[in-house]
């Protein structure tokens, strides 16, 4: 059985989903409404955000997804702006202790 997330974490999860779909979208599917295309990567990005992973670590994960799983050309630095958006959202919703 799944675990229900606290409201702030649920908001973060949904926000990261939006960022991956609208801003990251490495294969360009968002205009076509393929809303669940990146859901298989969402949980890991969410976990990294909750763990206060560095921007580089988040960007590295996204880079690995693009280069290894999707087979496309990528550099870690390509994903730093997305990592920054995710980190900023996390800090807005769940400030560091």
PDB file of N, CA and C in Angstrom:
ATOM      1  N   UNK A   1       0.835  -1.175   0.000  1.00  0.00           N
ATOM      2  CA  UNK A   1       0.000   0.000   0.000  1.00  0.00           C
ATOM      3  C   UNK A   1       0.884   1.245   0.000  1.00  0.00           C
ATOM      4  N   UNK A   2       0.481   2.263  -0.761  1.00  0.00           N
ATOM      5  CA  UNK A   2       1.261   3.485  -0.853  1.00  0.00           C
ATOM      6  C   UNK A   2       1.143   4.343   0.384  1.00  0.00           C
ATOM      7  N   UNK A   3       2.099   5.201   0.553  1.00  0.00           N
ATOM      8  CA  UNK A   3       2.128   6.097   1.708  1.00  0.00           C
ATOM      9  C   UNK A   3       1.656   7.471   1.266  1.00  0.00           C
ATOM     10  N   UNK A   4       0.781   8.085   2.038  1.00  0.00           N
ATOM     11  CA  UNK A   4       0.295   9.424   1.733  1.00  0.00           C
ATOM     12  C   UNK A   4       1.347  10.447   2.161  1.00  0.00           C
ATOM     13  N   UNK A   5       1.645  11.365   1.252  1.00  0.00           N
ATOM     14  CA  UNK A   5       2.647  12.391   1.531  1.00  0.00           C
ATOM     15  C   UNK A   5       2.038  13.552   2.303  1.00  0.00           C
ATOM     16  N   UNK A   6       2.835  14.188   3.169  1.00  0.00           N
ATOM     17  CA  UNK A   6       2.378  15.436   3.787  1.00  0.00           C
ATOM     18  C   UNK A   6       2.113  16.472   2.684  1.00  0.00           C
ATOM     19  N   UNK A   7       1.268  17.439   2.966  1.00  0.00           N
ATOM     20  CA  UNK A   7       0.838  18.423   1.961  1.00  0.00           C
ATOM     21  C   UNK A   7       2.011  19.117   1.275  1.00  0.00           C
ATOM     22  N   UNK A   8       3.038  19.516   2.044  1.00  0.00           N
ATOM     23  CA  UNK A   8       4.163  20.229   1.431  1.00  0.00           C
ATOM     24  C   UNK A   8       4.949  19.324   0.494  1.00  0.00           C
ATOM     25  N   UNK A   9       5.100  18.059   0.859  1.00  0.00           N
ATOM     26  CA  UNK A   9       5.813  17.117  -0.008  1.00  0.00           C
ATOM     27  C   UNK A   9       4.998  16.785  -1.249  1.00  0.00           C
ATOM     28  N   UNK A  10       3.699  16.676  -1.106  1.00  0.00           N
ATOM     29  CA  UNK A  10       2.836  16.423  -2.258  1.00  0.00           C
ATOM     30  C   UNK A  10       2.922  17.586  -3.240  1.00  0.00           C
ATOM     31  N   UNK A  11       2.941  18.783  -2.713  1.00  0.00           N
ATOM     32  CA  UNK A  11       3.072  19.973  -3.554  1.00  0.00           C
ATOM     33  C   UNK A  11       4.416  19.959  -4.283  1.00  0.00           C
ATOM     34  N   UNK A  12       5.477  19.572  -3.600  1.00  0.00           N
ATOM     35  CA  UNK A  12       6.797  19.470  -4.217  1.00  0.00           C
ATOM     36  C   UNK A  12       6.791  18.411  -5.316  1.00  0.00           C
ATOM     37  N   UNK A  13       6.216  17.261  -5.037  1.00  0.00           N
ATOM     38  CA  UNK A  13       6.146  16.168  -6.011  1.00  0.00           C
ATOM     39  C   UNK A  13       5.442  16.636  -7.291  1.00  0.00           C
ATOM     40  N   UNK A  14       4.300  17.299  -7.116  1.00  0.00           N
ATOM     41  CA  UNK A  14       3.542  17.791  -8.269  1.00  0.00           C
ATOM     42  C   UNK A  14       4.310  18.892  -9.001  1.00  0.00           C
ATOM     43  N   UNK A  15       5.006  19.736  -8.237  1.00  0.00           N
ATOM     44  CA  UNK A  15       5.797  20.805  -8.851  1.00  0.00           C
ATOM     45  C   UNK A  15       6.951  20.260  -9.665  1.00  0.00           C
ATOM     46  N   UNK A  16       7.624  19.239  -9.153  1.00  0.00           N
ATOM     47  CA  UNK A  16       8.725  18.623  -9.899  1.00  0.00           C
ATOM     48  C   UNK A  16       8.182  17.966 -11.161  1.00  0.00           C
ATOM     49  N   UNK A  17       7.032  17.339 -11.060  1.00  0.00           N
ATOM     50  CA  UNK A  17       6.400  16.745 -12.241  1.00  0.00           C
ATOM     51  C   UNK A  17       6.190  17.805 -13.317  1.00  0.00           C
ATOM     52  N   UNK A  18       5.691  18.969 -12.927  1.00  0.00           N
ATOM     53  CA  UNK A  18       5.477  20.076 -13.871  1.00  0.00           C
ATOM     54  C   UNK A  18       6.792  20.545 -14.483  1.00  0.00           C
ATOM     55  N   UNK A  19       7.819  20.682 -13.660  1.00  0.00           N
ATOM     56  CA  UNK A  19       9.126  21.130 -14.152  1.00  0.00           C
ATOM     57  C   UNK A  19       9.683  20.138 -15.164  1.00  0.00           C
ATOM     58  N   UNK A  20       9.617  18.863 -14.851  1.00  0.00           N
ATOM     59  CA  UNK A  20      10.140  17.859 -15.782  1.00  0.00           C
ATOM     60  C   UNK A  20       9.375  17.890 -17.098  1.00  0.00           C
ATOM     61  N   UNK A  21       8.073  18.043 -17.027  1.00  0.00           N
ATOM     62  CA  UNK A  21       7.250  18.003 -18.230  1.00  0.00           C
ATOM     63  C   UNK A  21       7.359  19.279 -19.061  1.00  0.00           C
ATOM     64  N   UNK A  22       7.284  20.430 -18.415  1.00  0.00           N
ATOM     65  CA  UNK A  22       7.259  21.694 -19.154  1.00  0.00           C
ATOM     66  C   UNK A  22       8.645  22.271 -19.441  1.00  0.00           C
ATOM     67  N   UNK A  23       9.551  22.152 -18.481  1.00  0.00           N
ATOM     68  CA  UNK A  23      10.844  22.829 -18.612  1.00  0.00           C
ATOM     69  C   UNK A  23      11.975  21.905 -19.069  1.00  0.00           C
ATOM     70  N   UNK A  24      11.994  20.703 -18.546  1.00  0.00           N
ATOM     71  CA  UNK A  24      13.079  19.772 -18.901  1.00  0.00           C
ATOM     72  C   UNK A  24      12.791  19.159 -20.269  1.00  0.00           C
ATOM     73  N   UNK A  25      11.769  18.381 -20.416  1.00  0.00           N
ATOM     74  CA  UNK A  25      11.236  17.824 -21.661  1.00  0.00           C
ATOM     75  C   UNK A  25      12.288  17.563 -22.752  1.00  0.00           C
ATOM     76  N   UNK A  26      13.260  16.694 -22.495  1.00  0.00           N
ATOM     77  CA  UNK A  26      14.349  16.500 -23.449  1.00  0.00           C
ATOM     78  C   UNK A  26      13.937  15.916 -24.802  1.00  0.00           C
ATOM     79  N   UNK A  27      12.800  15.249 -24.877  1.00  0.00           N
ATOM     80  CA  UNK A  27      12.386  14.690 -26.170  1.00  0.00           C
ATOM     81  C   UNK A  27      11.234  15.478 -26.794  1.00  0.00           C
ATOM     82  N   UNK A  28      10.848  16.579 -26.171  1.00  0.00           N
ATOM     83  CA  UNK A  28       9.879  17.488 -26.760  1.00  0.00           C
ATOM     84  C   UNK A  28       8.457  16.967 -26.877  1.00  0.00           C
ATOM     85  N   UNK A  29       7.984  16.271 -25.849  1.00  0.00           N
ATOM     86  CA  UNK A  29       6.638  15.694 -25.917  1.00  0.00           C
ATOM     87  C   UNK A  29       5.549  16.558 -25.286  1.00  0.00           C
ATOM     88  N   UNK A  30       5.906  17.565 -24.505  1.00  0.00           N
ATOM     89  CA  UNK A  30       4.865  18.325 -23.793  1.00  0.00           C
ATOM     90  C   UNK A  30       3.843  18.979 -24.723  1.00  0.00           C
ATOM     91  N   UNK A  31       4.221  19.474 -25.914  1.00  0.00           N
ATOM     92  CA  UNK A  31       3.198  20.045 -26.787  1.00  0.00           C
ATOM     93  C   UNK A  31       2.156  19.027 -27.266  1.00  0.00           C
ATOM     94  N   UNK A  32       2.482  17.756 -27.150  1.00  0.00           N
ATOM     95  CA  UNK A  32       1.594  16.701 -27.640  1.00  0.00           C
ATOM     96  C   UNK A  32       0.768  16.063 -26.529  1.00  0.00           C
ATOM     97  N   UNK A  33       0.906  16.587 -25.310  1.00  0.00           N
ATOM     98  CA  UNK A  33       0.070  16.142 -24.205  1.00  0.00           C
ATOM     99  C   UNK A  33       0.416  14.782 -23.633  1.00  0.00           C
ATOM    100  N   UNK A  34       1.601  14.292 -23.892  1.00  0.00           N
ATOM    101  CA  UNK A  34       2.012  12.989 -23.351  1.00  0.00           C
ATOM    102  C   UNK A  34       2.460  13.187 -21.906  1.00  0.00           C
ATOM    103  N   UNK A  35       1.499  13.482 -21.070  1.00  0.00           N
ATOM    104  CA  UNK A  35       1.723  13.950 -19.703  1.00  0.00           C
ATOM    105  C   UNK A  35       2.527  13.005 -18.820  1.00  0.00           C
ATOM    106  N   UNK A  36       2.443  11.720 -19.049  1.00  0.00           N
ATOM    107  CA  UNK A  36       3.119  10.776 -18.161  1.00  0.00           C
ATOM    108  C   UNK A  36       4.492  10.329 -18.662  1.00  0.00           C
ATOM    109  N   UNK A  37       4.993  10.954 -19.691  1.00  0.00           N
ATOM    110  CA  UNK A  37       6.237  10.511 -20.327  1.00  0.00           C
ATOM    111  C   UNK A  37       7.425  10.450 -19.364  1.00  0.00           C
ATOM    112  N   UNK A  38       7.513  11.358 -18.422  1.00  0.00           N
ATOM    113  CA  UNK A  38       8.680  11.415 -17.537  1.00  0.00           C
ATOM    114  C   UNK A  38       8.397  10.914 -16.123  1.00  0.00           C
ATOM    115  N   UNK A  39       7.249  10.310 -15.923  1.00  0.00           N
ATOM    116  CA  UNK A  39       6.886   9.835 -14.581  1.00  0.00           C
ATOM    117  C   UNK A  39       7.850   8.784 -14.042  1.00  0.00           C
ATOM    118  N   UNK A  40       8.491   8.024 -14.902  1.00  0.00           N
ATOM    119  CA  UNK A  40       9.410   6.999 -14.403  1.00  0.00           C
ATOM    120  C   UNK A  40      10.676   7.607 -13.779  1.00  0.00           C
ATOM    121  N   UNK A  41      10.926   8.871 -14.019  1.00  0.00           N
ATOM    122  CA  UNK A  41      12.092   9.553 -13.442  1.00  0.00           C
ATOM    123  C   UNK A  41      11.706  10.452 -12.269  1.00  0.00           C
ATOM    124  N   UNK A  42      10.441  10.712 -12.135  1.00  0.00           N
ATOM    125  CA  UNK A  42       9.929  11.672 -11.150  1.00  0.00           C
ATOM    126  C   UNK A  42      10.270  11.291  -9.715  1.00  0.00           C
ATOM    127  N   UNK A  43      10.064  10.047  -9.344  1.00  0.00           N
ATOM    128  CA  UNK A  43      10.290   9.642  -7.955  1.00  0.00           C
ATOM    129  C   UNK A  43      11.745   9.850  -7.540  1.00  0.00           C
ATOM    130  N   UNK A  44      12.687   9.509  -8.402  1.00  0.00           N
ATOM    131  CA  UNK A  44      14.102   9.670  -8.049  1.00  0.00           C
ATOM    132  C   UNK A  44      14.464  11.147  -7.901  1.00  0.00           C
ATOM    133  N   UNK A  45      13.955  11.987  -8.785  1.00  0.00           N
ATOM    134  CA  UNK A  45      14.227  13.428  -8.673  1.00  0.00           C
ATOM    135  C   UNK A  45      13.608  13.971  -7.387  1.00  0.00           C
ATOM    136  N   UNK A  46      12.400  13.532  -7.078  1.00  0.00           N
ATOM    137  CA  UNK A  46      11.731  13.937  -5.839  1.00  0.00           C
ATOM    138  C   UNK A  46      12.564  13.531  -4.625  1.00  0.00           C
ATOM    139  N   UNK A  47      13.058  12.310  -4.612  1.00  0.00           N
ATOM    140  CA  UNK A  47      13.893  11.840  -3.505  1.00  0.00           C
ATOM    141  C   UNK A  47      15.161  12.677  -3.377  1.00  0.00           C
ATOM    142  N   UNK A  48      15.796  12.974  -4.493  1.00  0.00           N
ATOM    143  CA  UNK A  48      17.006  13.805  -4.465  1.00  0.00           C
ATOM    144  C   UNK A  48      16.695  15.182  -3.879  1.00  0.00           C
ATOM    145  N   UNK A  49      15.571  15.750  -4.273  1.00  0.00           N
ATOM    146  CA  UNK A  49      15.186  17.067  -3.751  1.00  0.00           C
ATOM    147  C   UNK A  49      14.947  17.009  -2.247  1.00  0.00           C
ATOM    148  N   UNK A  50      14.251  15.981  -1.796  1.00  0.00           N
ATOM    149  CA  UNK A  50      13.989  15.839  -0.354  1.00  0.00           C
ATOM    150  C   UNK A  50      15.273  15.647   0.443  1.00  0.00           C
ATOM    151  N   UNK A  51      16.254  14.997  -0.162  1.00  0.00           N
ATOM    152  CA  UNK A  51      17.535  14.751   0.505  1.00  0.00           C
ATOM    153  C   UNK A  51      18.454  15.968   0.459  1.00  0.00           C
ATOM    154  N   UNK A  52      17.962  17.071  -0.118  1.00  0.00           N
ATOM    155  CA  UNK A  52      18.780  18.272  -0.297  1.00  0.00           C
ATOM    156  C   UNK A  52      20.043  17.979  -1.102  1.00  0.00           C
ATOM    157  N   UNK A  53      19.875  17.172  -2.142  1.00  0.00           N
ATOM    158  CA  UNK A  53      20.994  16.870  -3.032  1.00  0.00           C
ATOM    159  C   UNK A  53      21.510  18.157  -3.659  1.00  0.00           C
ATOM    160  N   UNK A  54      22.778  18.150  -3.995  1.00  0.00           N
ATOM    161  CA  UNK A  54      23.368  19.319  -4.650  1.00  0.00           C
ATOM    162  C   UNK A  54      22.766  19.495  -6.043  1.00  0.00           C
ATOM    163  N   UNK A  55      22.899  20.696  -6.569  1.00  0.00           N
ATOM    164  CA  UNK A  55      22.447  20.956  -7.938  1.00  0.00           C
ATOM    165  C   UNK A  55      23.141  20.004  -8.905  1.00  0.00           C
ATOM    166  N   UNK A  56      24.426  19.788  -8.680  1.00  0.00           N
ATOM    167  CA  UNK A  56      25.187  18.916  -9.562  1.00  0.00           C
ATOM    168  C   UNK A  56      24.645  17.484  -9.532  1.00  0.00           C
ATOM    169  N   UNK A  57      24.290  17.003  -8.367  1.00  0.00           N
ATOM    170  CA  UNK A  57      23.783  15.635  -8.256  1.00  0.00           C
ATOM    171  C   UNK A  57      22.448  15.476  -8.985  1.00  0.00           C
ATOM    172  N   UNK A  58      21.569  16.445  -8.861  1.00  0.00           N
ATOM    173  CA  UNK A  58      20.294  16.402  -9.581  1.00  0.00           C
ATOM    174  C   UNK A  58      20.542  16.484 -11.084  1.00  0.00           C
ATOM    175  N   UNK A  59      21.393  17.418 -11.489  1.00  0.00           N
ATOM    176  CA  UNK A  59      21.711  17.571 -12.913  1.00  0.00           C
ATOM    177  C   UNK A  59      22.373  16.314 -13.463  1.00  0.00           C
ATOM    178  N   UNK A  60      23.223  15.703 -12.671  1.00  0.00           N
ATOM    179  CA  UNK A  60      23.897  14.472 -13.100  1.00  0.00           C
ATOM    180  C   UNK A  60      22.876  13.345 -13.326  1.00  0.00           C
ATOM    181  N   UNK A  61      21.900  13.238 -12.435  1.00  0.00           N
ATOM    182  CA  UNK A  61      20.861  12.222 -12.619  1.00  0.00           C
ATOM    183  C   UNK A  61      20.107  12.474 -13.926  1.00  0.00           C
ATOM    184  N   UNK A  62      19.685  13.712 -14.151  1.00  0.00           N
ATOM    185  CA  UNK A  62      18.955  14.040 -15.374  1.00  0.00           C
ATOM    186  C   UNK A  62      19.808  13.794 -16.616  1.00  0.00           C
ATOM    187  N   UNK A  63      21.073  14.132 -16.536  1.00  0.00           N
ATOM    188  CA  UNK A  63      22.005  13.866 -17.638  1.00  0.00           C
ATOM    189  C   UNK A  63      22.079  12.366 -17.923  1.00  0.00           C
ATOM    190  N   UNK A  64      22.189  11.564 -16.874  1.00  0.00           N
ATOM    191  CA  UNK A  64      22.267  10.112 -17.060  1.00  0.00           C
ATOM    192  C   UNK A  64      20.997   9.559 -17.691  1.00  0.00           C
ATOM    193  N   UNK A  65      19.862  10.096 -17.310  1.00  0.00           N
ATOM    194  CA  UNK A  65      18.606   9.674 -17.929  1.00  0.00           C
ATOM    195  C   UNK A  65      18.647   9.941 -19.429  1.00  0.00           C
ATOM    196  N   UNK A  66      19.033  11.153 -19.790  1.00  0.00           N
ATOM    197  CA  UNK A  66      19.048  11.533 -21.208  1.00  0.00           C
ATOM    198  C   UNK A  66      20.099  10.745 -21.984  1.00  0.00           C
ATOM    199  N   UNK A  67      21.295  10.655 -21.445  1.00  0.00           N
ATOM    200  CA  UNK A  67      22.371  10.016 -22.202  1.00  0.00           C
ATOM    201  C   UNK A  67      22.302   8.494 -22.184  1.00  0.00           C
ATOM    202  N   UNK A  68      21.990   7.911 -21.033  1.00  0.00           N
ATOM    203  CA  UNK A  68      22.020   6.452 -20.934  1.00  0.00           C
ATOM    204  C   UNK A  68      20.674   5.798 -21.254  1.00  0.00           C
ATOM    205  N   UNK A  69      19.599   6.353 -20.768  1.00  0.00           N
ATOM    206  CA  UNK A  69      18.288   5.721 -20.989  1.00  0.00           C
ATOM    207  C   UNK A  69      17.651   6.143 -22.304  1.00  0.00           C
ATOM    208  N   UNK A  70      17.843   7.415 -22.667  1.00  0.00           N
ATOM    209  CA  UNK A  70      17.229   7.908 -23.904  1.00  0.00           C
ATOM    210  C   UNK A  70      18.180   7.834 -25.086  1.00  0.00           C
ATOM    211  N   UNK A  71      19.477   7.675 -24.801  1.00  0.00           N
ATOM    212  CA  UNK A  71      20.468   7.550 -25.868  1.00  0.00           C
ATOM    213  C   UNK A  71      20.724   8.824 -26.648  1.00  0.00           C
ATOM    214  N   UNK A  72      20.533   9.955 -25.982  1.00  0.00           N
ATOM    215  CA  UNK A  72      20.732  11.244 -26.634  1.00  0.00           C
ATOM    216  C   UNK A  72      21.991  11.926 -26.098  1.00  0.00           C
ATOM    217  N   UNK A  73      22.485  12.855 -26.856  1.00  0.00           N
ATOM    218  CA  UNK A  73      23.647  13.637 -26.444  1.00  0.00           C
ATOM    219  C   UNK A  73      23.255  14.559 -25.289  1.00  0.00           C
ATOM    220  N   UNK A  74      24.121  14.649 -24.299  1.00  0.00           N
ATOM    221  CA  UNK A  74      23.811  15.459 -23.120  1.00  0.00           C
ATOM    222  C   UNK A  74      25.092  15.774 -22.371  1.00  0.00           C
ATOM    223  N   UNK A  75      25.048  16.880 -21.636  1.00  0.00           N
ATOM    224  CA  UNK A  75      26.111  17.239 -20.701  1.00  0.00           C
ATOM    225  C   UNK A  75      25.446  17.569 -19.377  1.00  0.00           C
ATOM    226  N   UNK A  76      26.123  17.327 -18.292  1.00  0.00           N
ATOM    227  CA  UNK A  76      25.572  17.630 -16.975  1.00  0.00           C
ATOM    228  C   UNK A  76      25.164  19.098 -16.901  1.00  0.00           C
ATOM    229  N   UNK A  77      25.972  19.973 -17.451  1.00  0.00           N
ATOM    230  CA  UNK A  77      25.684  21.405 -17.383  1.00  0.00           C
ATOM    231  C   UNK A  77      24.385  21.785 -18.086  1.00  0.00           C
ATOM    232  N   UNK A  78      23.938  20.966 -19.042  1.00  0.00           N
ATOM    233  CA  UNK A  78      22.671  21.232 -19.722  1.00  0.00           C
ATOM    234  C   UNK A  78      21.501  21.202 -18.742  1.00  0.00           C
ATOM    235  N   UNK A  79      21.659  20.458 -17.656  1.00  0.00           N
ATOM    236  CA  UNK A  79      20.554  20.203 -16.737  1.00  0.00           C
ATOM    237  C   UNK A  79      20.622  21.036 -15.451  1.00  0.00           C
ATOM    238  N   UNK A  80      21.654  21.847 -15.322  1.00  0.00           N
ATOM    239  CA  UNK A  80      21.781  22.679 -14.114  1.00  0.00           C
ATOM    240  C   UNK A  80      20.629  23.672 -13.943  1.00  0.00           C
ATOM    241  N   UNK A  81      20.122  24.312 -15.010  1.00  0.00           N
ATOM    242  CA  UNK A  81      18.982  25.219 -14.806  1.00  0.00           C
ATOM    243  C   UNK A  81      17.739  24.498 -14.277  1.00  0.00           C
ATOM    244  N   UNK A  82      17.515  23.285 -14.701  1.00  0.00           N
ATOM    245  CA  UNK A  82      16.375  22.515 -14.209  1.00  0.00           C
ATOM    246  C   UNK A  82      16.608  22.136 -12.751  1.00  0.00           C
ATOM    247  N   UNK A  83      17.820  21.711 -12.450  1.00  0.00           N
ATOM    248  CA  UNK A  83      18.165  21.386 -11.065  1.00  0.00           C
ATOM    249  C   UNK A  83      17.960  22.598 -10.163  1.00  0.00           C
ATOM    250  N   UNK A  84      18.299  23.762 -10.651  1.00  0.00           N
ATOM    251  CA  UNK A  84      18.114  25.008  -9.889  1.00  0.00           C
ATOM    252  C   UNK A  84      16.629  25.273  -9.638  1.00  0.00           C
ATOM    253  N   UNK A  85      15.798  25.075 -10.640  1.00  0.00           N
ATOM    254  CA  UNK A  85      14.352  25.264 -10.465  1.00  0.00           C
ATOM    255  C   UNK A  85      13.795  24.307  -9.419  1.00  0.00           C
ATOM    256  N   UNK A  86      14.248  23.067  -9.478  1.00  0.00           N
ATOM    257  CA  UNK A  86      13.781  22.051  -8.531  1.00  0.00           C
ATOM    258  C   UNK A  86      14.226  22.416  -7.124  1.00  0.00           C
ATOM    259  N   UNK A  87      15.472  22.796  -6.982  1.00  0.00           N
ATOM    260  CA  UNK A  87      16.012  23.167  -5.671  1.00  0.00           C
ATOM    261  C   UNK A  87      15.286  24.395  -5.105  1.00  0.00           C
ATOM    262  N   UNK A  88      15.050  25.384  -5.948  1.00  0.00           N
ATOM    263  CA  UNK A  88      14.338  26.595  -5.523  1.00  0.00           C
ATOM    264  C   UNK A  88      12.928  26.261  -5.060  1.00  0.00           C
ATOM    265  N   UNK A  89      12.233  25.430  -5.817  1.00  0.00           N
ATOM    266  CA  UNK A  89      10.894  25.015  -5.433  1.00  0.00           C
ATOM    267  C   UNK A  89      10.916  24.288  -4.099  1.00  0.00           C
ATOM    268  N   UNK A  90      11.862  23.401  -3.923  1.00  0.00           N
ATOM    269  CA  UNK A  90      11.973  22.648  -2.673  1.00  0.00           C
ATOM    270  C   UNK A  90      12.171  23.597  -1.499  1.00  0.00           C
ATOM    271  N   UNK A  91      13.052  24.566  -1.646  1.00  0.00           N
ATOM    272  CA  UNK A  91      13.323  25.503  -0.553  1.00  0.00           C
ATOM    273  C   UNK A  91      12.123  26.411  -0.269  1.00  0.00           C
ATOM    274  N   UNK A  92      11.321  26.712  -1.291  1.00  0.00           N
ATOM    275  CA  UNK A  92      10.111  27.506  -1.072  1.00  0.00           C
ATOM    276  C   UNK A  92       9.069  26.724  -0.287  1.00  0.00           C
ATOM    277  N   UNK A  93       8.958  25.438  -0.593  1.00  0.00           N
ATOM    278  CA  UNK A  93       7.914  24.626   0.017  1.00  0.00           C
ATOM    279  C   UNK A  93       8.349  23.962   1.331  1.00  0.00           C
ATOM    280  N   UNK A  94       9.614  23.546   1.380  1.00  0.00           N
ATOM    281  CA  UNK A  94      10.119  22.828   2.550  1.00  0.00           C
ATOM    282  C   UNK A  94      11.503  23.406   2.891  1.00  0.00           C
ATOM    283  N   UNK A  95      11.552  24.485   3.641  1.00  0.00           N
ATOM    284  CA  UNK A  95      12.846  25.125   3.954  1.00  0.00           C
ATOM    285  C   UNK A  95      13.778  24.166   4.702  1.00  0.00           C
ATOM    286  N   UNK A  96      15.067  24.384   4.510  1.00  0.00           N
ATOM    287  CA  UNK A  96      16.071  23.571   5.227  1.00  0.00           C
ATOM    288  C   UNK A  96      15.954  23.837   6.715  1.00  0.00           C
ATOM    289  N   UNK A  97      16.337  22.820   7.475  1.00  0.00           N
ATOM    290  CA  UNK A  97      16.271  22.934   8.930  1.00  0.00           C
ATOM    291  C   UNK A  97      17.564  23.440   9.491  1.00  0.00           C
TER     292      UNK A  97
END
